[in-house]
Amino acid sequence: MYETLNHGTWIEKKVREAEKKIQPVLKEVEKNVDLKQWQVLNAYREMKVSELHLQSSTGYGYDDLGRETFEKVFAQIVGAEQALVRPNIISGTHAISACLYGVLRPGDELVYLTGRPYDTLHQVIGSSRDGSGSLADYGVSYREIPLTKENAIDWLAFEKAANSRTRMVAIQRSRGYADRPSFTIREIRQMIRRVREISPQSVIFVDNCYGEFVEQEEPTAAGADLIAGSLIKNPGGGMAKSGGYIAGKSELVEKASARLVAPGIGVEGGATFGHMHDYYQGLFMAPHVVGEALKGAIFTAAFLEETGFKTTPAWNEKRTDIIQQVYLGKPELLIAFCRGIQSASPIDAHILPVPSPMPGYEDEVIMAAGTFVQGASIELSADGPLRPPYIAYIQGGLTYSHVKIGLAQAMDFMIETGHF
């Protein structure tokens, strides 16, 4: 492999040094994979999953036993009263939106406790009644609590902001495109406890994207009222072709389902169109696949640290999601890095990514994602907005080996630009 690279000898040396350093951390990942695999297997056995559950429905989708059983399995795994897992949820943003619109009513207030949310949610929230169909358009007010300089929750600011109209408090587990750490389940549990003390009437919602199966528990097991995410990220295990999930307290899941489908139908309808086999198999594979992605992220941090870049989390830090952040410092390096990752993709390796406007994003974004499923960030991908300090966000990797190959080619591309 290294003989095909222009700077293969040097890159191979750095790969070996990084791999030697991270072995104890990889062993810890494998222990967590074993635990999560047991939990998933136990849920399948307790729900008596059978061949008949792999079949799918059409039309209205009423009495779809496979779908109903899968949602019970999913709820048990994440520690929720109920789950809604559907192919017609097209993304994590869509799942989150269903939760927000399902729970919030005119006159209510939404507070983001963890600062500015992910870019694609800005238009969902809105800033004025402009007819776009945003939450603002429906009379839902919004405020966000910026993190402190230490990237901690500003509890004094939240205490001042919380009031009788604060219907929902939202927590974003992953960093998104923000330059801050992701929040661990331990930290989220502490946040939930404090929010309950300050604003007991509020529904606590957690955007769980990129975090599933990374730790031993999910936010619902830690006390969150409602969580949401995408199946083409962690829980789909690389098998799901589309879909998303909503899980939590039954009353709130029902409200979200009414928004997603229609009042009066909610969770009862919804055909699965051949997806159930992939969903069952993907969820079963998810602990292993997420483990491979985590190993890849740990390697990425160590390898790029060896070559002089700042990374977060560091290779030996505790992780709560699959995202690896790398400070590249120059637009040329960000572009070259993403092009290197694209060149190591199984699909569209010959395509040259270029920065471009993306729906829901405020800056031009460069994305490398030669994936079998479009937008599937459990597969190896890298992207970042073209804005200082030019950070690359790397996520996914169905196999650890693929991540190593991708990073080797990305480094070769960066050296070739002459800016490294």
Protein backbone atom coordinates (compact mmCIF):
# COMPACT_ATOMS: atom_id res chain seq x y z
CA MET A 1 0.00 0.00 0.00
CA TYR A 2 2.67 2.48 1.02
CA GLU A 3 4.63 1.89 -2.20
CA THR A 4 1.76 3.51 -4.11
CA LEU A 5 2.13 6.76 -2.14
CA ASN A 6 4.56 9.52 -3.02
CA HIS A 7 5.69 9.78 0.59
CA GLY A 8 4.92 6.22 1.65
CA THR A 9 8.09 5.45 3.60
CA TRP A 10 7.64 8.39 5.97
CA ILE A 11 3.88 7.82 6.27
CA GLU A 12 4.33 4.12 7.06
CA LYS A 13 6.75 5.00 9.86
CA LYS A 14 4.21 7.38 11.41
CA VAL A 15 1.42 4.79 11.07
CA ARG A 16 3.49 2.18 12.92
CA GLU A 17 4.35 4.63 15.69
CA ALA A 18 0.71 5.61 16.14
CA GLU A 19 -0.52 2.02 16.16
CA LYS A 20 1.99 0.96 18.77
CA LYS A 21 0.92 3.79 21.06
CA ILE A 22 -2.84 3.18 20.90
CA GLN A 23 -3.01 -0.58 21.54
CA PRO A 24 -4.16 -0.32 25.21
CA VAL A 25 -6.93 2.12 24.22
CA LEU A 26 -8.14 -0.17 21.43
CA LYS A 27 -8.45 -2.99 23.97
CA GLU A 28 -10.82 -0.83 26.03
CA VAL A 29 -12.95 -0.20 22.94
CA GLU A 30 -13.19 -3.95 22.37
CA LYS A 31 -14.41 -4.49 25.94
CA ASN A 32 -17.24 -2.00 25.40
CA VAL A 33 -18.12 -3.65 22.07
CA ASP A 34 -18.49 -6.98 23.88
CA LEU A 35 -20.84 -5.44 26.44
CA LYS A 36 -22.98 -3.64 23.85
CA GLN A 37 -23.13 -6.75 21.67
CA TRP A 38 -24.45 -8.72 24.65
CA GLN A 39 -27.12 -6.07 25.31
CA VAL A 40 -28.28 -6.11 21.69
CA LEU A 41 -28.30 -9.90 21.48
CA ASN A 42 -30.23 -10.14 24.75
CA ALA A 43 -32.91 -7.75 23.45
CA TYR A 44 -33.32 -9.81 20.27
CA ARG A 45 -33.71 -12.99 22.28
CA GLU A 46 -36.11 -11.51 24.82
CA MET A 47 -38.36 -10.19 22.05
CA LYS A 48 -38.18 -13.59 20.29
CA VAL A 49 -37.11 -12.08 16.97
CA SER A 50 -37.88 -14.58 14.22
CA GLU A 51 -37.65 -14.95 10.45
CA LEU A 52 -41.17 -13.58 10.11
CA HIS A 53 -40.06 -10.26 11.66
CA LEU A 54 -37.68 -9.66 8.76
CA GLN A 55 -40.60 -9.30 6.34
CA SER A 56 -41.95 -5.88 5.42
CA SER A 57 -45.22 -4.14 4.69
CA THR A 58 -46.65 -1.88 1.99
CA GLY A 59 -49.43 0.66 1.75
CA TYR A 60 -50.68 1.87 5.10
CA GLY A 61 -48.37 -0.47 6.97
CA TYR A 62 -50.91 -1.40 9.63
CA ASP A 63 -50.21 -4.47 11.77
CA ASP A 64 -46.56 -4.63 10.71
CA LEU A 65 -45.28 -7.10 13.30
CA GLY A 66 -41.67 -6.74 12.16
CA ARG A 67 -41.75 -2.97 12.65
CA GLU A 68 -43.53 -3.16 16.00
CA THR A 69 -41.10 -5.74 17.36
CA PHE A 70 -38.07 -3.86 16.06
CA GLU A 71 -39.21 -0.70 17.83
CA LYS A 72 -39.59 -2.64 21.09
CA VAL A 73 -36.09 -4.06 20.63
CA PHE A 74 -34.70 -0.61 19.95
CA ALA A 75 -36.47 0.90 22.98
CA GLN A 76 -35.05 -1.78 25.25
CA ILE A 77 -31.52 -1.26 23.97
CA VAL A 78 -31.57 2.50 24.54
CA GLY A 79 -33.46 2.33 27.85
CA ALA A 80 -36.64 4.07 26.65
CA GLU A 81 -40.35 3.48 27.20
CA GLN A 82 -41.04 3.57 23.46
CA ALA A 83 -39.25 4.05 20.17
CA LEU A 84 -40.26 5.10 16.68
CA VAL A 85 -37.86 3.76 14.02
CA ARG A 86 -38.94 4.50 10.46
CA PRO A 87 -37.52 4.59 6.92
CA ASN A 88 -39.46 7.78 6.14
CA ILE A 89 -37.28 9.74 8.58
CA ILE A 90 -34.70 10.96 6.09
CA SER A 91 -32.03 12.33 8.43
CA GLY A 92 -31.10 13.18 11.99
CA THR A 93 -32.31 16.73 11.41
CA HIS A 94 -35.68 15.36 10.29
CA ALA A 95 -35.97 13.19 13.42
CA ILE A 96 -35.04 16.13 15.66
CA SER A 97 -37.50 18.39 13.86
CA ALA A 98 -40.33 15.91 14.46
CA CYS A 99 -39.54 16.01 18.16
CA LEU A 100 -39.45 19.81 18.29
CA TYR A 101 -42.64 20.34 16.29
CA GLY A 102 -44.37 17.47 18.06
CA VAL A 103 -43.78 18.77 21.58
CA LEU A 104 -43.64 22.57 21.22
CA ARG A 105 -46.72 24.76 20.81
CA PRO A 106 -47.26 28.47 20.07
CA GLY A 107 -46.09 30.50 23.04
CA ASP A 108 -43.62 27.84 24.21
CA GLU A 109 -39.91 28.42 24.45
CA LEU A 110 -37.05 26.19 23.32
CA VAL A 111 -33.70 26.58 25.09
CA TYR A 112 -30.50 25.00 23.80
CA LEU A 113 -28.39 24.39 26.89
CA THR A 114 -25.20 23.48 25.02
CA GLY A 115 -24.79 26.59 22.89
CA ARG A 116 -25.50 27.03 19.21
CA PRO A 117 -26.84 23.81 17.67
CA TYR A 118 -25.72 22.09 14.49
CA ASP A 119 -25.97 24.25 11.36
CA THR A 120 -28.85 22.35 9.75
CA LEU A 121 -31.14 23.17 12.69
CA HIS A 122 -30.83 26.93 12.36
CA GLN A 123 -33.50 27.16 9.67
CA VAL A 124 -35.75 24.74 11.57
CA ILE A 125 -35.65 27.04 14.58
CA GLY A 126 -35.86 30.27 12.56
CA SER A 127 -35.42 33.83 13.73
CA SER A 128 -38.64 35.54 12.64
CA ARG A 129 -42.12 34.84 11.29
CA ASP A 130 -41.12 34.79 7.64
CA GLY A 131 -43.49 32.14 6.33
CA SER A 132 -40.80 29.47 6.07
CA GLY A 133 -42.57 27.07 8.41
CA SER A 134 -39.88 27.35 11.07
CA LEU A 135 -40.62 27.13 14.80
CA ALA A 136 -40.47 30.93 14.94
CA ASP A 137 -43.16 31.04 12.28
CA TYR A 138 -45.42 29.09 14.64
CA GLY A 139 -44.76 31.41 17.57
CA VAL A 140 -42.20 29.27 19.38
CA SER A 141 -39.48 31.43 20.91
CA TYR A 142 -35.87 30.36 21.17
CA ARG A 143 -32.74 31.12 23.08
CA GLU A 144 -29.40 29.42 23.44
CA ILE A 145 -27.05 29.40 26.40
CA PRO A 146 -23.47 29.86 25.17
CA LEU A 147 -20.91 27.64 26.86
CA THR A 148 -18.37 29.18 29.21
CA LYS A 149 -14.77 29.78 28.17
CA GLU A 150 -14.02 26.37 29.67
CA ASN A 151 -16.69 24.78 27.40
CA ALA A 152 -18.90 24.07 30.41
CA ILE A 153 -22.62 24.74 30.88
CA ASP A 154 -23.30 28.30 32.05
CA TRP A 155 -25.74 27.41 34.83
CA LEU A 156 -26.08 30.99 36.04
CA ALA A 157 -27.19 32.08 32.57
CA PHE A 158 -29.65 29.17 32.37
CA GLU A 159 -31.14 29.99 35.77
CA LYS A 160 -31.75 33.55 34.57
CA ALA A 161 -33.19 32.38 31.24
CA ALA A 162 -35.52 29.59 32.46
CA ASN A 163 -39.12 30.59 32.99
CA SER A 164 -42.65 29.16 32.95
CA ARG A 165 -42.64 29.17 29.12
CA THR A 166 -39.49 27.04 28.87
CA ARG A 167 -41.21 23.95 27.51
CA MET A 168 -38.12 22.17 26.17
CA VAL A 169 -34.43 22.18 27.06
CA ALA A 170 -32.24 20.66 24.34
CA ILE A 171 -28.78 19.15 24.69
CA GLN A 172 -26.54 18.39 21.72
CA ARG A 173 -24.35 15.42 22.65
CA SER A 174 -21.92 15.70 19.76
CA ARG A 175 -19.83 18.70 18.86
CA GLY A 176 -21.29 19.08 15.37
CA TYR A 177 -19.26 21.81 13.66
CA ALA A 178 -18.61 23.60 16.96
CA ASP A 179 -15.10 23.88 18.33
CA ARG A 180 -15.93 22.28 21.67
CA PRO A 181 -15.79 18.79 23.19
CA SER A 182 -18.71 16.40 22.89
CA PHE A 183 -20.56 15.67 26.12
CA THR A 184 -20.26 12.31 27.83
CA ILE A 185 -23.22 10.41 29.27
CA ARG A 186 -21.92 11.19 32.75
CA GLU A 187 -21.98 14.91 31.93
CA ILE A 188 -25.42 14.63 30.33
CA ARG A 189 -26.77 12.85 33.42
CA GLN A 190 -25.52 15.75 35.55
CA MET A 191 -27.08 18.27 33.16
CA ILE A 192 -30.44 16.48 33.32
CA ARG A 193 -30.39 16.44 37.10
CA ARG A 194 -29.61 20.17 37.27
CA VAL A 195 -32.23 21.11 34.66
CA ARG A 196 -34.87 19.20 36.64
CA GLU A 197 -34.00 21.30 39.71
CA ILE A 198 -34.14 24.63 37.86
CA SER A 199 -36.94 24.02 35.33
CA PRO A 200 -38.92 20.93 36.41
CA GLN A 201 -41.71 21.50 33.87
CA SER A 202 -39.34 21.28 30.88
CA VAL A 203 -39.03 18.33 28.51
CA ILE A 204 -35.34 17.38 28.22
CA PHE A 205 -34.41 16.46 24.66
CA VAL A 206 -31.01 15.12 23.56
CA ASP A 207 -29.73 15.17 20.00
CA ASN A 208 -28.02 11.77 20.10
CA CYS A 209 -26.50 11.76 16.59
CA TYR A 210 -23.03 10.16 16.32
CA GLY A 211 -23.15 8.92 19.92
CA GLU A 212 -25.07 5.65 19.82
CA PHE A 213 -23.19 2.57 21.17
CA VAL A 214 -20.06 4.57 21.98
CA GLU A 215 -20.70 4.43 25.73
CA GLN A 216 -22.43 1.82 27.87
CA GLU A 217 -25.66 3.85 28.13
CA GLU A 218 -27.72 6.19 25.97
CA PRO A 219 -29.16 9.52 27.23
CA THR A 220 -32.61 8.00 27.78
CA ALA A 221 -31.09 5.59 30.29
CA ALA A 222 -29.50 8.63 31.94
CA GLY A 223 -32.89 10.35 32.36
CA ALA A 224 -33.54 12.21 29.10
CA ASP A 225 -37.21 12.47 28.14
CA LEU A 226 -36.62 12.21 24.41
CA ILE A 227 -33.73 11.44 22.03
CA ALA A 228 -33.42 11.29 18.25
CA GLY A 229 -30.92 10.28 15.63
CA SER A 230 -30.27 8.82 12.19
CA LEU A 231 -30.05 5.18 11.14
CA ILE A 232 -27.39 5.93 8.53
CA LYS A 233 -25.14 6.85 11.42
CA ASN A 234 -24.23 4.49 14.27
CA PRO A 235 -27.37 2.41 14.93
CA GLY A 236 -27.81 1.29 11.32
CA GLY A 237 -24.51 -0.59 11.47
CA GLY A 238 -23.71 0.28 7.86
CA MET A 239 -26.71 -1.75 6.65
CA ALA A 240 -29.59 0.75 6.85
CA LYS A 241 -30.24 2.52 3.54
CA SER A 242 -32.27 5.32 5.14
CA GLY A 243 -34.25 6.09 8.25
CA GLY A 244 -34.08 7.56 11.71
CA TYR A 245 -35.35 7.06 15.22
CA ILE A 246 -37.08 8.83 18.07
CA ALA A 247 -37.13 7.27 21.55
CA GLY A 248 -38.14 8.23 25.06
CA LYS A 249 -41.27 8.61 27.11
CA SER A 250 -44.31 7.15 25.37
CA GLU A 251 -46.38 10.34 25.55
CA LEU A 252 -43.65 12.35 23.85
CA VAL A 253 -42.87 9.72 21.20
CA GLU A 254 -46.59 9.69 20.35
CA LYS A 255 -46.55 13.48 19.94
CA ALA A 256 -43.54 13.31 17.65
CA SER A 257 -45.18 10.53 15.61
CA ALA A 258 -48.30 12.66 15.16
CA ARG A 259 -46.13 15.35 13.63
CA LEU A 260 -44.16 12.88 11.52
CA VAL A 261 -47.25 11.08 10.19
CA ALA A 262 -50.62 12.58 11.20
CA PRO A 263 -52.66 12.97 14.39
CA GLY A 264 -54.77 9.89 14.87
CA ILE A 265 -52.36 7.65 12.96
CA GLY A 266 -49.05 8.27 14.70
CA VAL A 267 -47.14 5.07 15.45
CA GLU A 268 -49.86 2.76 14.07
CA GLY A 269 -49.18 3.32 10.37
CA GLY A 270 -46.12 3.36 8.19
CA ALA A 271 -45.00 0.76 5.68
CA THR A 272 -41.44 -0.51 5.85
CA PHE A 273 -40.94 -1.32 2.14
CA GLY A 274 -38.26 -4.02 2.50
CA HIS A 275 -36.12 -2.24 5.08
CA MET A 276 -36.68 -4.56 8.05
CA HIS A 277 -34.02 -7.11 7.14
CA ASP A 278 -31.37 -4.37 6.92
CA TYR A 279 -32.61 -2.75 10.13
CA TYR A 280 -32.47 -5.93 12.18
CA GLN A 281 -29.11 -6.98 10.80
CA GLY A 282 -27.69 -3.44 10.97
CA LEU A 283 -28.70 -2.93 14.59
CA PHE A 284 -27.18 -6.30 15.46
CA MET A 285 -23.94 -5.26 13.71
CA ALA A 286 -23.92 -1.76 15.19
CA PRO A 287 -21.77 -2.44 18.30
CA HIS A 288 -19.03 -3.98 16.15
CA VAL A 289 -19.21 -1.34 13.40
CA VAL A 290 -19.19 1.54 15.91
CA GLY A 291 -16.19 -0.15 17.56
CA GLU A 292 -14.36 -0.17 14.22
CA ALA A 293 -15.19 3.52 13.71
CA LEU A 294 -13.95 4.34 17.21
CA LYS A 295 -10.70 2.48 16.62
CA GLY A 296 -10.31 4.48 13.43
CA ALA A 297 -10.94 7.76 15.26
CA ILE A 298 -8.37 6.87 17.93
CA PHE A 299 -5.84 5.99 15.24
CA THR A 300 -6.62 9.23 13.38
CA ALA A 301 -5.93 11.29 16.49
CA ALA A 302 -2.65 9.50 17.24
CA PHE A 303 -1.42 9.48 13.62
CA LEU A 304 -2.11 13.15 13.02
CA GLU A 305 -0.64 14.05 16.40
CA GLU A 306 2.52 12.20 15.34
CA THR A 307 2.65 14.39 12.23
CA GLY A 308 2.26 17.65 14.16
CA PHE A 309 -1.46 18.45 14.07
CA LYS A 310 -3.67 19.32 17.02
CA THR A 311 -6.58 16.88 17.37
CA THR A 312 -9.54 16.61 19.69
CA PRO A 313 -10.34 14.38 21.39
CA ALA A 314 -6.75 13.26 21.89
CA TRP A 315 -6.09 9.58 21.19
CA ASN A 316 -6.13 8.71 24.91
CA GLU A 317 -9.16 10.80 25.93
CA LYS A 318 -12.59 9.37 26.79
CA ARG A 319 -14.96 9.40 23.82
CA THR A 320 -18.71 9.81 23.59
CA ASP A 321 -19.14 9.96 19.80
CA ILE A 322 -17.38 8.86 16.62
CA ILE A 323 -16.29 12.33 15.49
CA GLN A 324 -12.61 13.23 15.32
CA GLN A 325 -11.70 16.89 14.98
CA VAL A 326 -8.42 17.98 13.38
CA TYR A 327 -7.13 21.56 13.24
CA LEU A 328 -5.58 22.02 9.82
CA GLY A 329 -5.17 25.80 9.92
CA LYS A 330 -5.27 26.44 6.16
CA PRO A 331 -8.04 26.09 3.58
CA GLU A 332 -5.59 24.36 1.23
CA LEU A 333 -4.88 21.65 3.80
CA LEU A 334 -8.57 21.13 4.56
CA ILE A 335 -9.32 20.70 0.86
CA ALA A 336 -6.33 18.39 0.31
CA PHE A 337 -7.22 16.29 3.35
CA CYS A 338 -10.79 15.74 2.17
CA ARG A 339 -9.61 14.95 -1.35
CA GLY A 340 -7.26 12.33 0.06
CA ILE A 341 -10.09 10.68 2.00
CA GLN A 342 -12.28 10.72 -1.12
CA SER A 343 -9.53 9.06 -3.17
CA ALA A 344 -9.56 6.16 -0.69
CA SER A 345 -13.32 5.64 -0.96
CA PRO A 346 -14.96 2.51 -2.39
CA ILE A 347 -17.47 4.67 -4.29
CA ASP A 348 -16.60 7.73 -6.41
CA ALA A 349 -12.89 7.58 -5.57
CA HIS A 350 -12.23 9.38 -8.87
CA ILE A 351 -14.36 12.39 -7.90
CA LEU A 352 -12.54 15.54 -6.74
CA PRO A 353 -14.49 17.26 -3.90
CA VAL A 354 -14.72 21.04 -4.05
CA PRO A 355 -16.05 23.49 -1.46
CA SER A 356 -19.63 24.47 -2.22
CA PRO A 357 -22.80 25.81 -0.61
CA MET A 358 -24.84 23.14 1.17
CA PRO A 359 -28.50 23.36 2.27
CA GLY A 360 -28.69 24.28 5.94
CA TYR A 361 -25.06 25.44 6.24
CA GLU A 362 -23.88 29.02 6.57
CA ASP A 363 -20.45 28.62 4.96
CA GLU A 364 -19.22 26.66 1.99
CA VAL A 365 -18.51 23.08 3.00
CA ILE A 366 -16.15 20.52 1.52
CA MET A 367 -17.29 16.94 1.92
CA ALA A 368 -15.53 13.68 1.21
CA ALA A 369 -18.01 10.85 1.32
CA GLY A 370 -17.54 8.05 -1.16
CA THR A 371 -20.09 5.93 0.67
CA PHE A 372 -22.40 3.08 -0.31
CA VAL A 373 -25.28 5.01 1.30
CA GLN A 374 -25.42 8.72 0.50
CA GLY A 375 -24.59 10.75 3.61
CA ALA A 376 -23.90 7.69 5.75
CA SER A 377 -21.46 9.02 8.31
CA ILE A 378 -20.93 5.59 9.87
CA GLU A 379 -18.95 5.00 6.68
CA LEU A 380 -15.63 6.83 6.44
CA SER A 381 -16.15 10.46 5.58
CA ALA A 382 -14.53 13.81 6.24
CA ASP A 383 -15.89 17.29 5.90
CA GLY A 384 -15.63 20.80 7.23
CA PRO A 385 -16.82 24.35 6.66
CA LEU A 386 -14.45 26.69 4.85
CA ARG A 387 -13.92 29.04 7.79
CA PRO A 388 -11.05 29.55 10.25
CA PRO A 389 -9.45 27.65 11.91
CA TYR A 390 -10.21 25.20 9.05
CA ILE A 391 -11.13 22.13 11.02
CA ALA A 392 -11.70 18.73 9.43
CA TYR A 393 -14.35 16.54 11.04
CA ILE A 394 -13.67 12.87 10.39
CA GLN A 395 -16.23 10.24 11.26
CA GLY A 396 -17.08 6.64 10.60
CA GLY A 397 -15.26 3.75 9.03
CA LEU A 398 -16.90 0.36 8.54
CA THR A 399 -13.49 -1.22 9.06
CA TYR A 400 -10.45 -0.04 11.00
CA SER A 401 -8.21 -0.96 8.04
CA HIS A 402 -10.12 1.37 5.72
CA VAL A 403 -9.59 4.30 8.11
CA LYS A 404 -5.83 3.66 8.15
CA ILE A 405 -5.72 3.56 4.35
CA GLY A 406 -7.79 6.75 4.11
CA LEU A 407 -5.56 8.63 6.54
CA ALA A 408 -2.40 7.52 4.72
CA GLN A 409 -3.75 8.85 1.42
CA ALA A 410 -5.01 12.06 3.02
CA MET A 411 -1.55 12.72 4.44
CA ASP A 412 0.02 12.05 1.05
CA PHE A 413 -2.36 14.57 -0.55
CA MET A 414 -1.55 17.23 2.06
CA ILE A 415 2.20 16.84 1.58
CA GLU A 416 1.75 17.09 -2.18
CA THR A 417 0.02 20.49 -1.88
CA GLY A 418 3.27 21.98 -0.57
CA HIS A 419 1.41 23.66 2.33
CA PHE A 420 2.34 20.98 4.89
